[in-house]
């Protein structure tokens, strides 16, 4: 990752994109500007981008340049293809879309219940953050709804290198967000927007109840929004996602997310052990002895296999 100097919000002519798409709201030194973007920009501005914005009066502005990004959070979206004359071709095209830029860390927000806590999804999100070389802060929200066995399931996530927040309040979070740009990322319905409203009560962001029929979340946040958090922090309220990409699960990322499994896997008899039925699998022995969780070991083995097959 290339190191790029971070601009400061008071720099002349520089602002930070708060909302997209279409007209962009830019947090500029003289106040917010509703901006159009100059044609010919390499790509559309995204929430978190630092931009050069000209104030044209009346609270309006024009983005003339987007500064180089330190990093970007992306997701893949599917669009319908079109033929000549605007008629649909029937083709489905996948494109990578930048959700937020210039992020320092990711606050991964999951609910203890309503919707159901899927720890496999927590692991996938941690892998995606590790692949992007971004620090991750897992947060289990709605802890007042948690089942009695939740602490046992969360034990592998209580590590010195992984700050874990289990909360129905926000007392411990402000210090972790101070002076940083933090992306809130997680499935819909887990309380990301509600959490942000509690951190900054004046925001008044719109929230919506979990679907009674499916138990899943509804997409209240449809586009990323950058908000100031405290005196020197920024938070990106990002859209919930149905499927997160963890296809860049390198051995380094796997070791970072599954340290307890990776350390034992190093002692297996065979270096290419899949930890299933192979003789000499130290991981299988550790599962039987209760030293690692079978679910975590299976997820580790699955992504390790995907990586090995991709490099074969």
Protein backbone atom coordinates (compact mmCIF):
# COMPACT_ATOMS: atom_id res chain seq x y z
CA UNK A 1 0.00 0.00 0.00
CA UNK A 2 1.45 3.37 -1.02
CA UNK A 3 1.88 5.93 1.76
CA UNK A 4 0.15 9.18 0.90
CA UNK A 5 0.11 12.26 3.11
CA UNK A 6 -3.27 12.90 4.70
CA UNK A 7 -4.65 16.39 3.98
CA UNK A 8 -6.19 18.38 6.76
CA UNK A 9 -9.74 19.70 6.67
CA UNK A 10 -8.62 23.34 6.83
CA UNK A 11 -6.39 23.19 3.77
CA UNK A 12 -7.30 25.86 1.23
CA UNK A 13 -9.60 24.55 -1.49
CA UNK A 14 -9.68 21.05 -0.07
CA UNK A 15 -12.74 19.29 1.24
CA UNK A 16 -13.89 15.79 1.98
CA UNK A 17 -16.74 14.01 0.22
CA UNK A 18 -19.52 13.23 2.66
CA UNK A 19 -22.27 11.84 0.43
CA UNK A 20 -22.64 10.42 -3.08
CA UNK A 21 -23.86 9.53 -5.72
CA UNK A 22 -25.18 12.25 -8.00
CA UNK A 23 -24.60 15.62 -6.40
CA UNK A 24 -21.88 15.24 -3.76
CA UNK A 25 -21.95 16.90 -0.39
CA UNK A 26 -18.43 18.09 0.41
CA UNK A 27 -17.31 19.03 3.92
CA UNK A 28 -15.31 22.14 3.01
CA UNK A 29 -13.44 24.66 5.21
CA UNK A 30 -16.15 27.28 4.75
CA UNK A 31 -19.05 24.88 5.32
CA UNK A 32 -20.75 22.11 3.36
CA UNK A 33 -21.03 22.48 -0.40
CA UNK A 34 -23.41 20.66 -2.73
CA UNK A 35 -21.11 19.87 -5.63
CA UNK A 36 -21.14 18.60 -9.15
CA UNK A 37 -18.04 16.79 -10.40
CA UNK A 38 -16.00 17.99 -13.36
CA UNK A 39 -16.39 15.75 -16.39
CA UNK A 40 -13.35 13.71 -17.25
CA UNK A 41 -12.41 12.70 -13.72
CA UNK A 42 -10.77 9.24 -13.73
CA UNK A 43 -13.58 7.87 -11.56
CA UNK A 44 -16.52 9.23 -9.57
CA UNK A 45 -15.81 10.64 -6.10
CA UNK A 46 -16.61 8.36 -3.17
CA UNK A 47 -17.36 9.03 0.47
CA UNK A 48 -14.09 9.80 2.25
CA UNK A 49 -12.31 11.15 -0.83
CA UNK A 50 -10.28 14.33 -0.41
CA UNK A 51 -11.12 16.65 -3.28
CA UNK A 52 -10.34 20.07 -4.65
CA UNK A 53 -13.66 21.91 -4.66
CA UNK A 54 -14.34 25.40 -6.03
CA UNK A 55 -17.01 27.40 -4.18
CA UNK A 56 -19.31 28.90 -6.82
CA UNK A 57 -21.65 30.58 -4.33
CA UNK A 58 -25.02 29.85 -2.83
CA UNK A 59 -23.78 26.73 -1.04
CA UNK A 60 -22.83 25.17 -4.36
CA UNK A 61 -19.47 23.95 -5.58
CA UNK A 62 -17.63 22.06 -8.27
CA UNK A 63 -15.19 19.21 -7.71
CA UNK A 64 -12.21 19.79 -9.98
CA UNK A 65 -9.89 17.03 -8.78
CA UNK A 66 -9.88 13.95 -6.56
CA UNK A 67 -6.67 13.46 -4.57
CA UNK A 68 -4.95 10.03 -4.70
CA UNK A 69 -6.54 7.52 -2.34
CA UNK A 70 -4.59 5.80 0.41
CA UNK A 71 -6.97 2.87 0.15
CA UNK A 72 -10.54 2.05 -0.76
CA UNK A 73 -13.29 -0.26 0.42
CA UNK A 74 -15.08 -1.86 -2.50
CA UNK A 75 -17.97 -4.17 -3.20
CA UNK A 76 -19.06 -5.95 -6.37
CA UNK A 77 -22.42 -4.95 -7.79
CA UNK A 78 -24.32 -6.54 -10.66
CA UNK A 79 -25.79 -4.40 -13.43
CA UNK A 80 -27.92 -5.26 -16.46
CA UNK A 81 -26.19 -4.86 -19.79
CA UNK A 82 -27.71 -2.78 -22.58
CA UNK A 83 -27.54 -3.18 -26.30
CA UNK A 84 -28.00 -0.63 -29.08
CA UNK A 85 -30.84 1.78 -28.64
CA UNK A 86 -30.87 1.22 -24.89
CA UNK A 87 -32.53 -2.18 -25.11
CA UNK A 88 -31.54 -4.69 -22.46
CA UNK A 89 -29.12 -7.32 -23.71
CA UNK A 90 -29.97 -9.75 -20.94
CA UNK A 91 -26.34 -9.81 -19.82
CA UNK A 92 -25.52 -9.33 -16.15
CA UNK A 93 -22.29 -7.41 -15.63
CA UNK A 94 -20.36 -7.31 -12.37
CA UNK A 95 -18.49 -4.15 -11.51
CA UNK A 96 -16.37 -3.21 -8.54
CA UNK A 97 -17.75 -0.14 -6.79
CA UNK A 98 -15.82 2.02 -4.34
CA UNK A 99 -17.88 2.37 -1.16
CA UNK A 100 -15.49 4.51 0.88
CA UNK A 101 -11.95 5.84 0.57
CA UNK A 102 -9.08 6.81 2.85
CA UNK A 103 -10.08 4.57 5.75
CA UNK A 104 -7.95 3.99 8.87
CA UNK A 105 -9.91 1.09 10.37
CA UNK A 106 -13.14 -0.89 10.06
CA UNK A 107 -15.70 -1.26 12.82
CA UNK A 108 -17.40 -4.57 11.98
CA UNK A 109 -20.88 -4.38 13.47
CA UNK A 110 -22.87 -7.57 14.06
CA UNK A 111 -25.92 -8.15 16.22
CA UNK A 112 -25.99 -10.63 19.09
CA UNK A 113 -29.55 -11.45 17.95
CA UNK A 114 -32.23 -10.15 15.59
CA UNK A 115 -30.76 -10.85 13.10
CA UNK A 116 -29.05 -14.07 14.15
CA UNK A 117 -25.31 -13.80 14.83
CA UNK A 118 -23.44 -15.72 12.13
CA UNK A 119 -19.85 -16.10 13.31
CA UNK A 120 -18.78 -17.43 9.91
CA UNK A 121 -19.71 -14.02 8.53
CA UNK A 122 -17.66 -12.37 11.29
CA UNK A 123 -14.65 -14.43 10.19
CA UNK A 124 -15.24 -13.56 6.53
CA UNK A 125 -15.41 -9.86 7.39
CA UNK A 126 -12.19 -10.10 9.39
CA UNK A 127 -10.52 -11.83 6.43
CA UNK A 128 -11.68 -9.10 4.05
CA UNK A 129 -10.27 -6.44 6.41
CA UNK A 130 -6.98 -8.34 6.74
CA UNK A 131 -6.74 -8.71 2.96
CA UNK A 132 -7.19 -4.93 2.68
CA UNK A 133 -4.49 -4.45 5.35
CA UNK A 134 -6.91 -2.51 7.55
CA UNK A 135 -7.22 -2.90 11.33
CA UNK A 136 -10.59 -4.39 12.29
CA UNK A 137 -12.64 -3.76 15.42
CA UNK A 138 -15.38 -6.38 15.73
CA UNK A 139 -18.41 -5.07 17.59
CA UNK A 140 -21.24 -7.32 18.74
CA UNK A 141 -24.16 -4.93 19.09
CA UNK A 142 -27.50 -5.54 20.86
CA UNK A 143 -25.72 -7.45 23.62
CA UNK A 144 -28.82 -7.12 25.79
CA UNK A 145 -30.42 -9.71 23.45
CA UNK A 146 -27.50 -12.16 23.66
CA UNK A 147 -27.96 -15.83 24.52
CA UNK A 148 -26.17 -17.28 27.55
CA UNK A 149 -23.53 -19.15 25.53
CA UNK A 150 -22.36 -16.08 23.54
CA UNK A 151 -19.22 -15.44 25.71
CA UNK A 152 -17.98 -18.98 24.99
CA UNK A 153 -18.43 -18.54 21.23
CA UNK A 154 -16.59 -15.19 21.31
CA UNK A 155 -13.55 -16.52 23.20
CA UNK A 156 -11.32 -16.82 20.05
CA UNK A 157 -11.92 -13.12 19.35
CA UNK A 158 -10.67 -11.94 22.75
CA UNK A 159 -7.03 -11.31 21.90
CA UNK A 160 -4.57 -8.46 22.56
CA UNK A 161 -4.30 -7.76 18.82
CA UNK A 162 -8.08 -7.70 18.24
CA UNK A 163 -10.15 -5.16 20.19
CA UNK A 164 -13.58 -6.72 20.69
CA UNK A 165 -16.58 -4.62 21.69
CA UNK A 166 -19.69 -6.29 23.05
CA UNK A 167 -22.18 -3.53 23.62
CA UNK A 168 -25.70 -2.26 23.77
CA UNK A 169 -24.30 1.17 24.65
CA UNK A 170 -21.37 3.21 23.36
CA UNK A 171 -19.25 4.04 26.39
CA UNK A 172 -16.10 2.23 25.17
CA UNK A 173 -16.24 3.16 21.49
CA UNK A 174 -15.43 6.91 21.31
CA UNK A 175 -11.81 6.43 22.40
CA UNK A 176 -11.27 3.81 19.68
CA UNK A 177 -12.65 6.15 17.00
CA UNK A 178 -10.84 9.33 18.05
CA UNK A 179 -8.56 10.85 15.43
CA UNK A 180 -9.34 8.19 12.83
CA UNK A 181 -11.57 7.57 9.84
CA UNK A 182 -13.62 4.50 10.65
CA UNK A 183 -15.88 2.58 8.29
CA UNK A 184 -18.93 0.93 9.85
CA UNK A 185 -19.37 -2.33 7.98
CA UNK A 186 -21.71 -5.22 8.57
CA UNK A 187 -24.95 -6.91 7.58
CA UNK A 188 -28.15 -4.90 7.40
CA UNK A 189 -30.22 -4.75 10.54
CA UNK A 190 -27.34 -5.06 12.99
CA UNK A 191 -27.73 -1.53 14.31
CA UNK A 192 -24.89 0.32 12.55
CA UNK A 193 -26.92 3.46 11.96
CA UNK A 194 -28.49 3.35 15.42
CA UNK A 195 -25.00 3.01 16.89
CA UNK A 196 -23.85 6.05 14.96
CA UNK A 197 -26.88 8.03 16.11
CA UNK A 198 -25.96 7.22 19.70
CA UNK A 199 -22.36 8.28 19.15
CA UNK A 200 -23.48 11.56 17.54
CA UNK A 201 -27.07 12.28 18.64
CA UNK A 202 -27.41 15.29 16.38
CA UNK A 203 -27.09 13.28 13.17
CA UNK A 204 -30.64 11.89 13.13
CA UNK A 205 -29.85 9.23 10.52
CA UNK A 206 -32.81 7.12 9.41
CA UNK A 207 -33.16 3.62 10.86
CA UNK A 208 -35.56 0.77 10.09
CA UNK A 209 -36.69 -2.32 11.97
CA UNK A 210 -35.48 -5.82 11.20
CA UNK A 211 -37.78 -7.74 8.86
CA UNK A 212 -40.29 -9.73 10.90
CA UNK A 213 -40.69 -12.30 8.12
CA UNK A 214 -37.05 -13.18 7.47
CA UNK A 215 -35.33 -12.06 10.65
CA UNK A 216 -32.82 -10.30 8.42
CA UNK A 217 -31.97 -6.68 8.06
CA UNK A 218 -33.44 -4.17 5.66
CA UNK A 219 -31.23 -1.85 3.66
CA UNK A 220 -31.80 1.46 5.44
CA UNK A 221 -28.43 2.86 4.34
CA UNK A 222 -28.33 2.77 0.54
CA UNK A 223 -25.17 4.84 -0.01
CA UNK A 224 -22.12 5.50 2.13
CA UNK A 225 -22.24 8.65 4.25
CA UNK A 226 -19.22 10.29 5.88
CA UNK A 227 -19.98 11.97 9.22
CA UNK A 228 -17.84 13.82 11.72
CA UNK A 229 -17.51 11.92 14.98
CA UNK A 230 -16.32 14.00 17.89
CA UNK A 231 -13.78 16.77 17.43
CA UNK A 232 -11.30 14.91 15.23
CA UNK A 233 -12.87 11.68 14.03
CA UNK A 234 -14.79 10.60 10.95
CA UNK A 235 -17.17 7.69 10.53
CA UNK A 236 -18.45 6.23 7.27
CA UNK A 237 -21.92 4.71 7.58
CA UNK A 238 -21.75 2.19 4.75
CA UNK A 239 -24.50 0.12 3.11
CA UNK A 240 -25.14 -3.30 4.60
CA UNK A 241 -24.10 -6.22 2.46
CA UNK A 242 -25.48 -9.64 1.68
CA UNK A 243 -22.19 -11.19 0.58
CA UNK A 244 -18.75 -9.93 1.53
CA UNK A 245 -15.71 -10.77 -0.55
CA UNK A 246 -12.97 -12.67 1.25
CA UNK A 247 -11.47 -14.20 -1.89
CA UNK A 248 -8.11 -12.59 -1.17
CA UNK A 249 -7.63 -14.78 1.89
CA UNK A 250 -3.85 -15.05 1.69
CA UNK A 251 -1.90 -17.21 4.15
CA UNK A 252 -0.90 -14.01 5.97
CA UNK A 253 -4.56 -12.95 6.30
CA UNK A 254 -5.56 -16.43 7.50
CA UNK A 255 -2.80 -16.39 10.12
CA UNK A 256 -3.96 -12.95 11.28
CA UNK A 257 -7.62 -13.96 11.62
CA UNK A 258 -7.16 -17.57 12.82
CA UNK A 259 -3.95 -17.45 14.87
CA UNK A 260 -4.93 -20.31 17.17
CA UNK A 261 -5.67 -22.63 14.22
CA UNK A 262 -2.70 -21.53 12.11
CA UNK A 263 -0.22 -22.18 14.92
CA UNK A 264 -1.46 -25.77 15.29
CA UNK A 265 -1.68 -26.32 11.52
CA UNK A 266 2.06 -25.61 11.34
CA UNK A 267 2.66 -28.83 13.30
CA UNK A 268 0.64 -31.14 11.03
CA UNK A 269 2.59 -34.07 9.53
CA UNK A 270 2.04 -32.85 5.96
CA UNK A 271 2.51 -29.25 4.83
CA UNK A 272 -0.49 -29.54 2.46
CA UNK A 273 -2.78 -31.05 5.12
CA UNK A 274 -6.45 -30.17 4.58
CA UNK A 275 -7.27 -31.03 8.23
CA UNK A 276 -10.04 -33.44 7.26
CA UNK A 277 -9.18 -37.16 7.21
CA UNK A 278 -5.42 -36.94 6.64
CA UNK A 279 -3.21 -38.88 9.07
CA UNK A 280 -1.12 -36.73 11.37
CA UNK A 281 -3.52 -33.76 11.37
CA UNK A 282 -2.67 -31.80 14.51
CA UNK A 283 -5.75 -29.61 13.93
CA UNK A 284 -8.10 -32.61 14.19
CA UNK A 285 -6.38 -33.67 17.42
CA UNK A 286 -6.80 -30.14 18.81
CA UNK A 287 -10.51 -30.12 17.92
CA UNK A 288 -11.04 -33.45 19.69
CA UNK A 289 -9.23 -32.08 22.75
CA UNK A 290 -11.34 -28.91 22.75
CA UNK A 291 -8.35 -26.63 22.15
CA UNK A 292 -9.81 -25.06 18.99
CA UNK A 293 -13.39 -24.62 17.81
CA UNK A 294 -14.41 -27.03 15.04
CA UNK A 295 -16.26 -24.22 13.26
CA UNK A 296 -13.19 -21.96 13.19
CA UNK A 297 -10.95 -24.82 12.05
CA UNK A 298 -13.35 -25.71 9.21
CA UNK A 299 -13.46 -22.09 8.02
CA UNK A 300 -9.67 -21.86 8.14
CA UNK A 301 -9.33 -25.11 6.16
CA UNK A 302 -11.88 -23.99 3.57
CA UNK A 303 -10.15 -20.71 2.78
CA UNK A 304 -6.70 -22.30 2.90
CA UNK A 305 -7.90 -24.80 0.28
CA UNK A 306 -9.29 -22.03 -1.92
CA UNK A 307 -5.94 -20.24 -1.77
CA UNK A 308 -3.95 -23.42 -2.51
CA UNK A 309 -6.18 -24.33 -5.47
CA UNK A 310 -5.87 -20.82 -6.87
CA UNK A 311 -2.07 -21.04 -6.77
CA UNK A 312 -1.88 -24.58 -8.17
